[in-house]
Amino acid sequence: MTIGKVADASEVSPSKMKKVSVEGEEILLANVGGTCYAIGNKCTHMGGDLSKGTLSGNLVKCPRHGAVFDVTTGRTVLGPKMLGITVEARDEPTFGVRVEKGSVYLDL
């Protein structure tokens, strides 16, 4: 199902992220090398807001406990650390992204 416009493409310039809300679900838009990707915005470990994390290439790091996710696939690259121990985190859901005429659309 294609959702209407969720952002202007200019709001998600290369190496930038933006949080959007669609039907009550928070989604992270991330621009990697000029291509826009979308994954769940809540860290699967303890719900950290990934849009407040850091994006380095295609990896976003959660600001709460440091879990790292690949925004191009949603896969967990590194679990979060608590008390010096790395724990598990589930992969993030992914969403189809389409950019047309300066607007970003999502497929849910």
N, C-alpha and C. Protein backbone atom coordinates (compact mmCIF):
# COMPACT_ATOMS: atom_id res chain seq x y z
N MET A 1 0.85 -1.18 0.00
CA MET A 1 0.00 0.00 0.00
C MET A 1 0.89 1.24 0.00
N THR A 2 0.70 2.10 -0.96
CA THR A 2 1.47 3.34 -1.04
C THR A 2 0.78 4.42 -0.22
N ILE A 3 1.58 5.05 0.63
CA ILE A 3 1.10 6.16 1.45
C ILE A 3 1.40 7.45 0.70
N GLY A 4 0.62 8.46 0.92
CA GLY A 4 0.87 9.74 0.29
C GLY A 4 2.21 10.33 0.69
N LYS A 5 2.45 11.49 0.24
CA LYS A 5 3.70 12.20 0.51
C LYS A 5 3.96 12.27 2.02
N VAL A 6 5.19 11.90 2.44
CA VAL A 6 5.56 11.98 3.85
C VAL A 6 6.60 13.05 4.13
N ALA A 7 7.26 13.54 3.07
CA ALA A 7 8.28 14.58 3.26
C ALA A 7 8.66 15.15 1.91
N ASP A 8 9.25 16.33 1.94
CA ASP A 8 9.90 16.87 0.75
C ASP A 8 11.28 16.25 0.67
N ALA A 9 11.72 15.91 -0.52
CA ALA A 9 13.05 15.31 -0.68
C ALA A 9 14.14 16.22 -0.12
N SER A 10 13.93 17.51 -0.19
CA SER A 10 14.94 18.47 0.32
C SER A 10 15.10 18.38 1.84
N GLU A 11 14.12 17.80 2.54
CA GLU A 11 14.21 17.64 3.99
C GLU A 11 15.13 16.49 4.39
N VAL A 12 15.46 15.63 3.42
CA VAL A 12 16.30 14.47 3.69
C VAL A 12 17.46 14.50 2.69
N SER A 13 18.33 15.48 2.85
CA SER A 13 19.48 15.61 1.96
C SER A 13 20.51 14.51 2.26
N PRO A 14 21.47 14.28 1.37
CA PRO A 14 22.46 13.22 1.59
C PRO A 14 23.10 13.29 2.99
N SER A 15 23.22 12.13 3.61
CA SER A 15 23.81 11.95 4.94
C SER A 15 22.94 12.52 6.07
N LYS A 16 21.67 12.77 5.79
CA LYS A 16 20.75 13.30 6.79
C LYS A 16 19.62 12.31 7.05
N MET A 17 18.94 12.50 8.19
CA MET A 17 17.81 11.66 8.59
C MET A 17 16.64 12.54 8.99
N LYS A 18 15.45 11.95 8.92
CA LYS A 18 14.24 12.65 9.35
C LYS A 18 13.24 11.62 9.86
N LYS A 19 12.61 11.94 10.98
CA LYS A 19 11.55 11.10 11.53
C LYS A 19 10.22 11.56 10.96
N VAL A 20 9.40 10.59 10.51
CA VAL A 20 8.04 10.88 10.06
C VAL A 20 7.11 9.93 10.79
N SER A 21 5.86 10.30 10.89
CA SER A 21 4.86 9.45 11.53
C SER A 21 3.80 9.11 10.49
N VAL A 22 3.56 7.81 10.32
CA VAL A 22 2.57 7.33 9.36
C VAL A 22 1.65 6.36 10.07
N GLU A 23 0.39 6.71 10.11
CA GLU A 23 -0.63 5.87 10.75
C GLU A 23 -0.20 5.43 12.14
N GLY A 24 0.36 6.37 12.90
CA GLY A 24 0.76 6.11 14.28
C GLY A 24 2.10 5.42 14.44
N GLU A 25 2.78 5.12 13.35
CA GLU A 25 4.07 4.46 13.42
C GLU A 25 5.18 5.44 13.06
N GLU A 26 6.23 5.48 13.91
CA GLU A 26 7.37 6.35 13.63
C GLU A 26 8.32 5.64 12.68
N ILE A 27 8.70 6.36 11.62
CA ILE A 27 9.57 5.82 10.58
C ILE A 27 10.74 6.76 10.39
N LEU A 28 11.93 6.18 10.23
CA LEU A 28 13.14 6.96 10.00
C LEU A 28 13.46 6.96 8.51
N LEU A 29 13.52 8.16 7.93
CA LEU A 29 14.00 8.32 6.56
C LEU A 29 15.48 8.67 6.65
N ALA A 30 16.29 8.03 5.83
CA ALA A 30 17.73 8.31 5.82
C ALA A 30 18.21 8.35 4.38
N ASN A 31 19.00 9.36 4.05
CA ASN A 31 19.54 9.50 2.72
C ASN A 31 21.00 9.04 2.73
N VAL A 32 21.27 7.97 1.99
CA VAL A 32 22.61 7.43 1.89
C VAL A 32 23.06 7.55 0.44
N GLY A 33 24.01 8.41 0.19
CA GLY A 33 24.54 8.58 -1.17
C GLY A 33 23.52 9.01 -2.19
N GLY A 34 22.52 9.76 -1.77
CA GLY A 34 21.51 10.25 -2.69
C GLY A 34 20.29 9.35 -2.83
N THR A 35 20.30 8.20 -2.15
CA THR A 35 19.15 7.30 -2.16
C THR A 35 18.49 7.31 -0.79
N CYS A 36 17.18 7.41 -0.78
CA CYS A 36 16.44 7.49 0.48
C CYS A 36 15.95 6.10 0.89
N TYR A 37 16.14 5.77 2.18
CA TYR A 37 15.72 4.50 2.75
C TYR A 37 14.81 4.78 3.94
N ALA A 38 14.01 3.78 4.33
CA ALA A 38 13.11 3.93 5.47
C ALA A 38 13.12 2.66 6.32
N ILE A 39 13.33 2.86 7.63
CA ILE A 39 13.26 1.76 8.60
C ILE A 39 12.46 2.25 9.80
N GLY A 40 12.14 1.34 10.70
CA GLY A 40 11.48 1.73 11.94
C GLY A 40 12.35 2.73 12.69
N ASN A 41 11.74 3.69 13.35
CA ASN A 41 12.50 4.72 14.06
C ASN A 41 12.79 4.37 15.52
N LYS A 42 12.07 3.41 16.07
CA LYS A 42 12.27 3.04 17.48
C LYS A 42 13.25 1.89 17.57
N CYS A 43 14.32 2.07 18.33
CA CYS A 43 15.31 1.00 18.51
C CYS A 43 14.59 -0.23 19.05
N THR A 44 14.91 -1.39 18.49
CA THR A 44 14.24 -2.63 18.89
C THR A 44 14.73 -3.13 20.25
N HIS A 45 15.71 -2.47 20.82
CA HIS A 45 16.19 -2.87 22.14
C HIS A 45 15.31 -2.26 23.24
N MET A 46 15.30 -0.93 23.35
CA MET A 46 14.49 -0.29 24.39
C MET A 46 13.79 0.97 23.88
N GLY A 47 13.52 1.03 22.58
CA GLY A 47 12.70 2.11 22.04
C GLY A 47 13.37 3.45 21.86
N GLY A 48 14.70 3.50 21.82
CA GLY A 48 15.39 4.77 21.59
C GLY A 48 14.98 5.38 20.26
N ASP A 49 14.98 6.69 20.19
CA ASP A 49 14.60 7.44 18.99
C ASP A 49 15.81 7.50 18.05
N LEU A 50 15.80 6.66 17.00
CA LEU A 50 16.95 6.59 16.10
C LEU A 50 17.21 7.91 15.37
N SER A 51 16.18 8.72 15.17
CA SER A 51 16.39 10.00 14.48
C SER A 51 17.26 10.95 15.30
N LYS A 52 17.42 10.67 16.57
CA LYS A 52 18.29 11.48 17.43
C LYS A 52 19.69 10.87 17.55
N GLY A 53 19.89 9.75 16.83
CA GLY A 53 21.19 9.10 16.83
C GLY A 53 22.10 9.71 15.78
N THR A 54 23.15 8.97 15.42
CA THR A 54 24.09 9.46 14.42
C THR A 54 24.09 8.54 13.21
N LEU A 55 24.17 9.16 12.03
CA LEU A 55 24.23 8.42 10.77
C LEU A 55 25.64 8.53 10.23
N SER A 56 26.26 7.39 9.99
CA SER A 56 27.60 7.34 9.42
C SER A 56 27.55 6.37 8.25
N GLY A 57 27.58 6.92 7.04
CA GLY A 57 27.40 6.07 5.85
C GLY A 57 25.99 5.50 5.88
N ASN A 58 25.88 4.17 5.88
CA ASN A 58 24.56 3.54 5.91
C ASN A 58 24.19 3.01 7.30
N LEU A 59 24.95 3.42 8.33
CA LEU A 59 24.71 2.91 9.68
C LEU A 59 24.20 4.01 10.61
N VAL A 60 23.13 3.69 11.32
CA VAL A 60 22.60 4.62 12.32
C VAL A 60 22.85 4.01 13.70
N LYS A 61 23.33 4.85 14.61
CA LYS A 61 23.63 4.41 15.97
C LYS A 61 22.60 5.00 16.92
N CYS A 62 21.97 4.13 17.70
CA CYS A 62 20.96 4.57 18.68
C CYS A 62 21.63 5.41 19.76
N PRO A 63 21.01 6.53 20.14
CA PRO A 63 21.60 7.39 21.16
C PRO A 63 21.49 6.84 22.58
N ARG A 64 20.66 5.82 22.81
CA ARG A 64 20.47 5.32 24.17
C ARG A 64 21.55 4.34 24.61
N HIS A 65 21.70 3.24 23.90
CA HIS A 65 22.66 2.21 24.32
C HIS A 65 23.61 1.79 23.21
N GLY A 66 23.61 2.52 22.09
CA GLY A 66 24.60 2.31 21.05
C GLY A 66 24.35 1.19 20.06
N ALA A 67 23.13 0.64 19.99
CA ALA A 67 22.84 -0.36 18.96
C ALA A 67 23.03 0.29 17.60
N VAL A 68 23.51 -0.49 16.63
CA VAL A 68 23.77 0.03 15.29
C VAL A 68 22.97 -0.77 14.28
N PHE A 69 22.28 -0.05 13.39
CA PHE A 69 21.43 -0.66 12.37
C PHE A 69 21.84 -0.16 10.99
N ASP A 70 21.73 -1.05 9.99
CA ASP A 70 21.97 -0.69 8.60
C ASP A 70 20.66 -0.13 8.04
N VAL A 71 20.64 1.14 7.66
CA VAL A 71 19.40 1.75 7.19
C VAL A 71 18.98 1.24 5.81
N THR A 72 19.90 0.59 5.08
CA THR A 72 19.54 0.08 3.76
C THR A 72 18.84 -1.27 3.83
N THR A 73 19.03 -2.00 4.94
CA THR A 73 18.44 -3.34 5.08
C THR A 73 17.62 -3.53 6.35
N GLY A 74 17.80 -2.64 7.33
CA GLY A 74 17.14 -2.78 8.62
C GLY A 74 17.86 -3.73 9.57
N ARG A 75 18.89 -4.39 9.10
CA ARG A 75 19.60 -5.39 9.91
C ARG A 75 20.37 -4.76 11.07
N THR A 76 20.40 -5.49 12.19
CA THR A 76 21.20 -5.10 13.34
C THR A 76 22.66 -5.42 13.02
N VAL A 77 23.52 -4.42 13.12
CA VAL A 77 24.94 -4.61 12.86
C VAL A 77 25.68 -4.86 14.17
N LEU A 78 25.25 -4.16 15.22
CA LEU A 78 25.86 -4.30 16.53
C LEU A 78 24.78 -4.12 17.58
N GLY A 79 24.68 -5.06 18.49
CA GLY A 79 23.70 -4.95 19.56
C GLY A 79 24.09 -3.85 20.54
N PRO A 80 23.17 -3.42 21.36
CA PRO A 80 23.44 -2.37 22.34
C PRO A 80 24.35 -2.88 23.45
N LYS A 81 25.02 -1.94 24.09
CA LYS A 81 25.87 -2.29 25.22
C LYS A 81 25.25 -1.78 26.51
N MET A 82 25.16 -2.69 27.48
CA MET A 82 24.66 -2.33 28.80
C MET A 82 25.63 -2.93 29.81
N LEU A 83 26.16 -2.06 30.66
CA LEU A 83 27.14 -2.48 31.66
C LEU A 83 28.32 -3.19 31.00
N GLY A 84 28.70 -2.71 29.81
CA GLY A 84 29.85 -3.26 29.11
C GLY A 84 29.59 -4.56 28.37
N ILE A 85 28.35 -5.04 28.39
CA ILE A 85 28.02 -6.31 27.74
C ILE A 85 27.14 -6.01 26.53
N THR A 86 27.50 -6.58 25.37
CA THR A 86 26.69 -6.42 24.17
C THR A 86 25.52 -7.39 24.24
N VAL A 87 24.30 -6.85 24.07
CA VAL A 87 23.10 -7.67 24.10
C VAL A 87 22.44 -7.68 22.72
N GLU A 88 21.43 -8.51 22.56
CA GLU A 88 20.76 -8.66 21.27
C GLU A 88 19.73 -7.55 21.01
N ALA A 89 19.54 -7.25 19.75
CA ALA A 89 18.46 -6.37 19.30
C ALA A 89 17.91 -6.98 18.02
N ARG A 90 16.62 -6.88 17.83
CA ARG A 90 15.99 -7.39 16.60
C ARG A 90 16.25 -6.41 15.45
N ASP A 91 16.16 -6.93 14.23
CA ASP A 91 16.28 -6.08 13.05
C ASP A 91 15.12 -5.10 13.01
N GLU A 92 15.32 -3.98 12.35
CA GLU A 92 14.28 -2.96 12.18
C GLU A 92 13.42 -3.32 10.96
N PRO A 93 12.13 -3.01 11.01
CA PRO A 93 11.31 -3.20 9.82
C PRO A 93 11.75 -2.21 8.74
N THR A 94 11.58 -2.59 7.48
CA THR A 94 11.93 -1.70 6.37
C THR A 94 10.67 -1.35 5.59
N PHE A 95 10.75 -0.25 4.87
CA PHE A 95 9.62 0.24 4.09
C PHE A 95 10.12 0.68 2.72
N GLY A 96 9.32 0.46 1.70
CA GLY A 96 9.68 0.92 0.36
C GLY A 96 9.59 2.43 0.29
N VAL A 97 10.53 3.03 -0.43
CA VAL A 97 10.58 4.49 -0.57
C VAL A 97 10.59 4.83 -2.06
N ARG A 98 9.82 5.83 -2.39
CA ARG A 98 9.79 6.33 -3.76
C ARG A 98 9.91 7.84 -3.70
N VAL A 99 10.81 8.40 -4.50
CA VAL A 99 10.97 9.85 -4.58
C VAL A 99 10.58 10.28 -5.98
N GLU A 100 9.58 11.15 -6.05
CA GLU A 100 9.09 11.65 -7.34
C GLU A 100 8.84 13.14 -7.24
N LYS A 101 9.37 13.87 -8.19
CA LYS A 101 9.12 15.31 -8.31
C LYS A 101 9.34 16.03 -6.98
N GLY A 102 10.41 15.68 -6.28
CA GLY A 102 10.77 16.37 -5.06
C GLY A 102 10.00 15.95 -3.82
N SER A 103 9.20 14.89 -3.92
CA SER A 103 8.43 14.40 -2.78
C SER A 103 8.80 12.96 -2.46
N VAL A 104 8.75 12.61 -1.15
CA VAL A 104 9.06 11.27 -0.69
C VAL A 104 7.76 10.56 -0.34
N TYR A 105 7.58 9.34 -0.88
CA TYR A 105 6.41 8.52 -0.63
C TYR A 105 6.88 7.19 -0.02
N LEU A 106 6.04 6.58 0.82
CA LEU A 106 6.37 5.29 1.43
C LEU A 106 5.39 4.22 1.01
N ASP A 107 5.90 2.98 0.95
CA ASP A 107 5.07 1.80 0.75
C ASP A 107 5.06 1.04 2.05
N LEU A 108 3.88 0.80 2.61
CA LEU A 108 3.77 0.06 3.87
C LEU A 108 3.24 -1.33 3.60
